[in-house]
Amino acid sequence: RAERVDDILRAHAEGRVALIPSLEAATP
């Protein structure tokens, strides 16, 4: 799970994938 930019950079360095949790609308 990616919550900071460092998580994305770590995923790249470690051969993993960072998932950025997102929602397409604030309706809920």
PDB file of all heavy atoms in Angstrom:
ATOM      1  N   ARG A   1       0.841  -1.194   0.000  1.00  0.00           N
ATOM      2  CA  ARG A   1       0.000   0.000   0.000  1.00  0.00           C
ATOM      3  C   ARG A   1       0.877   1.244   0.000  1.00  0.00           C
ATOM      4  O   ARG A   1       1.819   1.356   0.783  1.00  0.00           O
ATOM      5  CB  ARG A   1      -0.924  -0.001   1.205  1.00  0.00           C
ATOM      6  CG  ARG A   1      -2.097  -0.929   1.051  1.00  0.00           C
ATOM      7  CD  ARG A   1      -2.863  -1.127   2.337  1.00  0.00           C
ATOM      8  NE  ARG A   1      -3.289   0.124   2.939  1.00  0.00           N
ATOM      9  CZ  ARG A   1      -3.986   0.190   4.081  1.00  0.00           C
ATOM     10  NH1 ARG A   1      -4.320  -0.928   4.711  1.00  0.00           N
ATOM     11  NH2 ARG A   1      -4.342   1.353   4.580  1.00  0.00           N
ATOM     12  N   ALA A   2       0.556   2.178  -0.871  1.00  0.00           N
ATOM     13  CA  ALA A   2       1.328   3.419  -0.956  1.00  0.00           C
ATOM     14  C   ALA A   2       0.559   4.549  -0.282  1.00  0.00           C
ATOM     15  O   ALA A   2      -0.564   4.878  -0.676  1.00  0.00           O
ATOM     16  CB  ALA A   2       1.592   3.781  -2.414  1.00  0.00           C
ATOM     17  N   GLU A   3       1.176   5.122   0.745  1.00  0.00           N
ATOM     18  CA  GLU A   3       0.582   6.257   1.439  1.00  0.00           C
ATOM     19  C   GLU A   3       1.492   7.479   1.391  1.00  0.00           C
ATOM     20  O   GLU A   3       1.070   8.588   1.711  1.00  0.00           O
ATOM     21  CB  GLU A   3       0.259   5.877   2.875  1.00  0.00           C
ATOM     22  CG  GLU A   3      -0.754   4.732   2.952  1.00  0.00           C
ATOM     23  CD  GLU A   3      -1.150   4.380   4.367  1.00  0.00           C
ATOM     24  OE1 GLU A   3      -0.540   4.933   5.310  1.00  0.00           O
ATOM     25  OE2 GLU A   3      -2.078   3.553   4.525  1.00  0.00           O
ATOM     26  N   ARG A   4       2.746   7.268   0.973  1.00  0.00           N
ATOM     27  CA  ARG A   4       3.715   8.339   0.811  1.00  0.00           C
ATOM     28  C   ARG A   4       4.518   8.081  -0.468  1.00  0.00           C
ATOM     29  O   ARG A   4       4.572   6.951  -0.949  1.00  0.00           O
ATOM     30  CB  ARG A   4       4.668   8.418   2.012  1.00  0.00           C
ATOM     31  CG  ARG A   4       3.985   8.769   3.333  1.00  0.00           C
ATOM     32  CD  ARG A   4       4.934   8.633   4.519  1.00  0.00           C
ATOM     33  NE  ARG A   4       4.288   8.968   5.771  1.00  0.00           N
ATOM     34  CZ  ARG A   4       4.340  10.162   6.351  1.00  0.00           C
ATOM     35  NH1 ARG A   4       5.040  11.135   5.780  1.00  0.00           N
ATOM     36  NH2 ARG A   4       3.729  10.404   7.483  1.00  0.00           N
ATOM     37  N   VAL A   5       5.151   9.111  -0.967  1.00  0.00           N
ATOM     38  CA  VAL A   5       5.958   8.959  -2.175  1.00  0.00           C
ATOM     39  C   VAL A   5       7.065   7.937  -1.954  1.00  0.00           C
ATOM     40  O   VAL A   5       7.394   7.158  -2.857  1.00  0.00           O
ATOM     41  CB  VAL A   5       6.545  10.322  -2.610  1.00  0.00           C
ATOM     42  CG1 VAL A   5       7.602  10.137  -3.694  1.00  0.00           C
ATOM     43  CG2 VAL A   5       5.440  11.236  -3.108  1.00  0.00           C
ATOM     44  N   ASP A   6       7.627   7.895  -0.751  1.00  0.00           N
ATOM     45  CA  ASP A   6       8.692   6.929  -0.457  1.00  0.00           C
ATOM     46  C   ASP A   6       8.244   5.492  -0.670  1.00  0.00           C
ATOM     47  O   ASP A   6       9.055   4.624  -1.010  1.00  0.00           O
ATOM     48  CB  ASP A   6       9.202   7.104   0.977  1.00  0.00           C
ATOM     49  CG  ASP A   6      10.129   8.305   1.131  1.00  0.00           C
ATOM     50  OD1 ASP A   6      10.527   8.875   0.097  1.00  0.00           O
ATOM     51  OD2 ASP A   6      10.444   8.668   2.276  1.00  0.00           O
ATOM     52  N   ASP A   7       6.956   5.210  -0.475  1.00  0.00           N
ATOM     53  CA  ASP A   7       6.439   3.858  -0.702  1.00  0.00           C
ATOM     54  C   ASP A   7       6.533   3.486  -2.182  1.00  0.00           C
ATOM     55  O   ASP A   7       6.830   2.338  -2.535  1.00  0.00           O
ATOM     56  CB  ASP A   7       4.982   3.754  -0.241  1.00  0.00           C
ATOM     57  CG  ASP A   7       4.839   3.940   1.257  1.00  0.00           C
ATOM     58  OD1 ASP A   7       5.755   3.545   2.001  1.00  0.00           O
ATOM     59  OD2 ASP A   7       3.808   4.499   1.677  1.00  0.00           O
ATOM     60  N   ILE A   8       6.278   4.459  -3.064  1.00  0.00           N
ATOM     61  CA  ILE A   8       6.389   4.220  -4.501  1.00  0.00           C
ATOM     62  C   ILE A   8       7.842   3.966  -4.881  1.00  0.00           C
ATOM     63  O   ILE A   8       8.154   3.027  -5.634  1.00  0.00           O
ATOM     64  CB  ILE A   8       5.832   5.423  -5.289  1.00  0.00           C
ATOM     65  CG1 ILE A   8       4.337   5.583  -5.012  1.00  0.00           C
ATOM     66  CG2 ILE A   8       6.091   5.253  -6.788  1.00  0.00           C
ATOM     67  CD1 ILE A   8       3.732   6.833  -5.614  1.00  0.00           C
ATOM     68  N   LEU A   9       8.733   4.770  -4.350  1.00  0.00           N
ATOM     69  CA  LEU A   9      10.158   4.609  -4.653  1.00  0.00           C
ATOM     70  C   LEU A   9      10.676   3.286  -4.118  1.00  0.00           C
ATOM     71  O   LEU A   9      11.505   2.627  -4.760  1.00  0.00           O
ATOM     72  CB  LEU A   9      10.946   5.786  -4.072  1.00  0.00           C
ATOM     73  CG  LEU A   9      10.534   7.176  -4.576  1.00  0.00           C
ATOM     74  CD1 LEU A   9      11.384   8.255  -3.911  1.00  0.00           C
ATOM     75  CD2 LEU A   9      10.641   7.266  -6.089  1.00  0.00           C
ATOM     76  N   ARG A  10      10.189   2.876  -2.952  1.00  0.00           N
ATOM     77  CA  ARG A  10      10.613   1.588  -2.380  1.00  0.00           C
ATOM     78  C   ARG A  10      10.132   0.428  -3.239  1.00  0.00           C
ATOM     79  O   ARG A  10      10.875  -0.537  -3.480  1.00  0.00           O
ATOM     80  CB  ARG A  10      10.077   1.449  -0.953  1.00  0.00           C
ATOM     81  CG  ARG A  10      10.401   0.104  -0.301  1.00  0.00           C
ATOM     82  CD  ARG A  10      10.151   0.130   1.185  1.00  0.00           C
ATOM     83  NE  ARG A  10       8.749   0.245   1.521  1.00  0.00           N
ATOM     84  CZ  ARG A  10       7.928  -0.810   1.670  1.00  0.00           C
ATOM     85  NH1 ARG A  10       8.385  -2.043   1.500  1.00  0.00           N
ATOM     86  NH2 ARG A  10       6.668  -0.632   1.999  1.00  0.00           N
ATOM     87  N   ALA A  11       8.895   0.522  -3.716  1.00  0.00           N
ATOM     88  CA  ALA A  11       8.372  -0.543  -4.582  1.00  0.00           C
ATOM     89  C   ALA A  11       9.231  -0.677  -5.831  1.00  0.00           C
ATOM     90  O   ALA A  11       9.561  -1.798  -6.254  1.00  0.00           O
ATOM     91  CB  ALA A  11       6.926  -0.245  -4.958  1.00  0.00           C
ATOM     92  N   HIS A  12       9.604   0.436  -6.442  1.00  0.00           N
ATOM     93  CA  HIS A  12      10.458   0.406  -7.627  1.00  0.00           C
ATOM     94  C   HIS A  12      11.801  -0.237  -7.308  1.00  0.00           C
ATOM     95  O   HIS A  12      12.292  -1.086  -8.083  1.00  0.00           O
ATOM     96  CB  HIS A  12      10.661   1.833  -8.133  1.00  0.00           C
ATOM     97  CG  HIS A  12      11.675   1.953  -9.227  1.00  0.00           C
ATOM     98  ND1 HIS A  12      11.463   1.456 -10.493  1.00  0.00           N
ATOM     99  CD2 HIS A  12      12.912   2.516  -9.240  1.00  0.00           C
ATOM    100  CE1 HIS A  12      12.533   1.697 -11.247  1.00  0.00           C
ATOM    101  NE2 HIS A  12      13.409   2.340 -10.514  1.00  0.00           N
ATOM    102  N   ALA A  13      12.384   0.130  -6.189  1.00  0.00           N
ATOM    103  CA  ALA A  13      13.707  -0.384  -5.821  1.00  0.00           C
ATOM    104  C   ALA A  13      13.673  -1.870  -5.488  1.00  0.00           C
ATOM    105  O   ALA A  13      14.641  -2.597  -5.747  1.00  0.00           O
ATOM    106  CB  ALA A  13      14.260   0.408  -4.639  1.00  0.00           C
ATOM    107  N   GLU A  14      12.559  -2.342  -4.942  1.00  0.00           N
ATOM    108  CA  GLU A  14      12.482  -3.717  -4.438  1.00  0.00           C
ATOM    109  C   GLU A  14      11.813  -4.687  -5.407  1.00  0.00           C
ATOM    110  O   GLU A  14      11.669  -5.876  -5.098  1.00  0.00           O
ATOM    111  CB  GLU A  14      11.731  -3.741  -3.107  1.00  0.00           C
ATOM    112  CG  GLU A  14      12.450  -2.996  -1.990  1.00  0.00           C
ATOM    113  CD  GLU A  14      11.673  -3.025  -0.674  1.00  0.00           C
ATOM    114  OE1 GLU A  14      10.515  -3.533  -0.679  1.00  0.00           O
ATOM    115  OE2 GLU A  14      12.209  -2.542   0.337  1.00  0.00           O
ATOM    116  N   GLY A  15      11.374  -4.220  -6.560  1.00  0.00           N
ATOM    117  CA  GLY A  15      10.699  -5.104  -7.497  1.00  0.00           C
ATOM    118  C   GLY A  15       9.285  -5.444  -7.086  1.00  0.00           C
ATOM    119  O   GLY A  15       8.764  -6.518  -7.409  1.00  0.00           O
ATOM    120  N   ARG A  16       8.640  -4.528  -6.399  1.00  0.00           N
ATOM    121  CA  ARG A  16       7.252  -4.712  -5.993  1.00  0.00           C
ATOM    122  C   ARG A  16       6.374  -3.694  -6.716  1.00  0.00           C
ATOM    123  O   ARG A  16       6.855  -2.924  -7.539  1.00  0.00           O
ATOM    124  CB  ARG A  16       7.132  -4.573  -4.474  1.00  0.00           C
ATOM    125  CG  ARG A  16       8.064  -5.509  -3.699  1.00  0.00           C
ATOM    126  CD  ARG A  16       7.924  -5.352  -2.202  1.00  0.00           C
ATOM    127  NE  ARG A  16       9.046  -5.969  -1.508  1.00  0.00           N
ATOM    128  CZ  ARG A  16       9.155  -7.262  -1.249  1.00  0.00           C
ATOM    129  NH1 ARG A  16       8.195  -8.090  -1.620  1.00  0.00           N
ATOM    130  NH2 ARG A  16      10.218  -7.743  -0.616  1.00  0.00           N
ATOM    131  N   VAL A  17       5.097  -3.675  -6.393  1.00  0.00           N
ATOM    132  CA  VAL A  17       4.178  -2.701  -6.956  1.00  0.00           C
ATOM    133  C   VAL A  17       3.470  -1.979  -5.812  1.00  0.00           C
ATOM    134  O   VAL A  17       2.956  -2.628  -4.887  1.00  0.00           O
ATOM    135  CB  VAL A  17       3.132  -3.355  -7.882  1.00  0.00           C
ATOM    136  CG1 VAL A  17       2.136  -2.311  -8.390  1.00  0.00           C
ATOM    137  CG2 VAL A  17       3.812  -4.044  -9.056  1.00  0.00           C
ATOM    138  N   ALA A  18       3.453  -0.654  -5.882  1.00  0.00           N
ATOM    139  CA  ALA A  18       2.771   0.151  -4.873  1.00  0.00           C
ATOM    140  C   ALA A  18       1.345   0.433  -5.319  1.00  0.00           C
ATOM    141  O   ALA A  18       1.133   0.978  -6.400  1.00  0.00           O
ATOM    142  CB  ALA A  18       3.530   1.457  -4.651  1.00  0.00           C
ATOM    143  N   LEU A  19       0.391   0.054  -4.504  1.00  0.00           N
ATOM    144  CA  LEU A  19      -1.019   0.296  -4.787  1.00  0.00           C
ATOM    145  C   LEU A  19      -1.437   1.587  -4.090  1.00  0.00           C
ATOM    146  O   LEU A  19      -1.304   1.713  -2.874  1.00  0.00           O
ATOM    147  CB  LEU A  19      -1.862  -0.886  -4.312  1.00  0.00           C
ATOM    148  CG  LEU A  19      -3.362  -0.843  -4.576  1.00  0.00           C
ATOM    149  CD1 LEU A  19      -3.903  -2.261  -4.789  1.00  0.00           C
ATOM    150  CD2 LEU A  19      -4.123  -0.180  -3.424  1.00  0.00           C
ATOM    151  N   ILE A  20      -1.915   2.556  -4.880  1.00  0.00           N
ATOM    152  CA  ILE A  20      -2.372   3.839  -4.354  1.00  0.00           C
ATOM    153  C   ILE A  20      -3.890   3.774  -4.243  1.00  0.00           C
ATOM    154  O   ILE A  20      -4.600   3.834  -5.253  1.00  0.00           O
ATOM    155  CB  ILE A  20      -1.951   4.992  -5.280  1.00  0.00           C
ATOM    156  CG1 ILE A  20      -0.427   5.018  -5.440  1.00  0.00           C
ATOM    157  CG2 ILE A  20      -2.467   6.325  -4.747  1.00  0.00           C
ATOM    158  CD1 ILE A  20       0.056   5.937  -6.552  1.00  0.00           C
ATOM    159  N   PRO A  21      -4.434   3.628  -3.029  1.00  0.00           N
ATOM    160  CA  PRO A  21      -5.886   3.495  -2.874  1.00  0.00           C
ATOM    161  C   PRO A  21      -6.609   4.766  -3.318  1.00  0.00           C
ATOM    162  O   PRO A  21      -6.292   5.871  -2.868  1.00  0.00           O
ATOM    163  CB  PRO A  21      -6.054   3.251  -1.365  1.00  0.00           C
ATOM    164  CG  PRO A  21      -4.728   2.727  -0.909  1.00  0.00           C
ATOM    165  CD  PRO A  21      -3.732   3.481  -1.741  1.00  0.00           C
ATOM    166  N   SER A  22      -7.583   4.602  -4.208  1.00  0.00           N
ATOM    167  CA  SER A  22      -8.255   5.742  -4.834  1.00  0.00           C
ATOM    168  C   SER A  22      -9.754   5.473  -4.970  1.00  0.00           C
ATOM    169  O   SER A  22     -10.192   4.333  -5.008  1.00  0.00           O
ATOM    170  CB  SER A  22      -7.669   5.998  -6.231  1.00  0.00           C
ATOM    171  OG  SER A  22      -6.257   6.081  -6.211  1.00  0.00           O
ATOM    172  N   LEU A  23     -10.525   6.557  -5.064  1.00  0.00           N
ATOM    173  CA  LEU A  23     -11.955   6.483  -5.350  1.00  0.00           C
ATOM    174  C   LEU A  23     -12.290   7.513  -6.425  1.00  0.00           C
ATOM    175  O   LEU A  23     -11.770   8.632  -6.382  1.00  0.00           O
ATOM    176  CB  LEU A  23     -12.787   6.764  -4.098  1.00  0.00           C
ATOM    177  CG  LEU A  23     -12.763   5.698  -2.990  1.00  0.00           C
ATOM    178  CD1 LEU A  23     -13.524   6.198  -1.771  1.00  0.00           C
ATOM    179  CD2 LEU A  23     -13.368   4.390  -3.476  1.00  0.00           C
ATOM    180  N   GLU A  24     -13.174   7.170  -7.326  1.00  0.00           N
ATOM    181  CA  GLU A  24     -13.485   8.059  -8.436  1.00  0.00           C
ATOM    182  C   GLU A  24     -14.443   9.184  -8.065  1.00  0.00           C
ATOM    183  O   GLU A  24     -14.624  10.122  -8.849  1.00  0.00           O
ATOM    184  CB  GLU A  24     -14.053   7.272  -9.618  1.00  0.00           C
ATOM    185  CG  GLU A  24     -13.036   6.357 -10.262  1.00  0.00           C
ATOM    186  CD  GLU A  24     -13.493   5.829 -11.599  1.00  0.00           C
ATOM    187  OE1 GLU A  24     -13.809   6.656 -12.478  1.00  0.00           O
ATOM    188  OE2 GLU A  24     -13.550   4.609 -11.758  1.00  0.00           O
ATOM    189  N   ALA A  25     -15.070   9.122  -6.908  1.00  0.00           N
ATOM    190  CA  ALA A  25     -15.984  10.179  -6.485  1.00  0.00           C
ATOM    191  C   ALA A  25     -16.063  10.214  -4.970  1.00  0.00           C
ATOM    192  O   ALA A  25     -15.885   9.201  -4.294  1.00  0.00           O
ATOM    193  CB  ALA A  25     -17.374   9.966  -7.074  1.00  0.00           C
ATOM    194  N   ALA A  26     -16.377  11.398  -4.454  1.00  0.00           N
ATOM    195  CA  ALA A  26     -16.561  11.577  -3.010  1.00  0.00           C
ATOM    196  C   ALA A  26     -18.003  11.337  -2.598  1.00  0.00           C
ATOM    197  O   ALA A  26     -18.380  11.623  -1.457  1.00  0.00           O
ATOM    198  CB  ALA A  26     -16.124  12.984  -2.608  1.00  0.00           C
ATOM    199  N   THR A  27     -18.818  10.795  -3.482  1.00  0.00           N
ATOM    200  CA  THR A  27     -20.240  10.573  -3.232  1.00  0.00           C
ATOM    201  C   THR A  27     -20.513   9.861  -1.897  1.00  0.00           C
ATOM    202  O   THR A  27     -21.444  10.251  -1.177  1.00  0.00           O
ATOM    203  CB  THR A  27     -20.857   9.783  -4.405  1.00  0.00           C
ATOM    204  OG1 THR A  27     -20.624  10.514  -5.618  1.00  0.00           O
ATOM    205  CG2 THR A  27     -22.344   9.568  -4.213  1.00  0.00           C
ATOM    206  N   PRO A  28     -19.732   8.844  -1.493  1.00  0.00           N
ATOM    207  CA  PRO A  28     -20.052   8.132  -0.253  1.00  0.00           C
ATOM    208  C   PRO A  28     -19.932   8.969   1.018  1.00  0.00           C
ATOM    209  O   PRO A  28     -20.475   8.570   2.056  1.00  0.00           O
ATOM    210  CB  PRO A  28     -19.032   6.987  -0.233  1.00  0.00           C
ATOM    211  CG  PRO A  28     -18.622   6.812  -1.642  1.00  0.00           C
ATOM    212  CD  PRO A  28     -18.647   8.174  -2.234  1.00  0.00           C
TER     213      PRO A  28
END
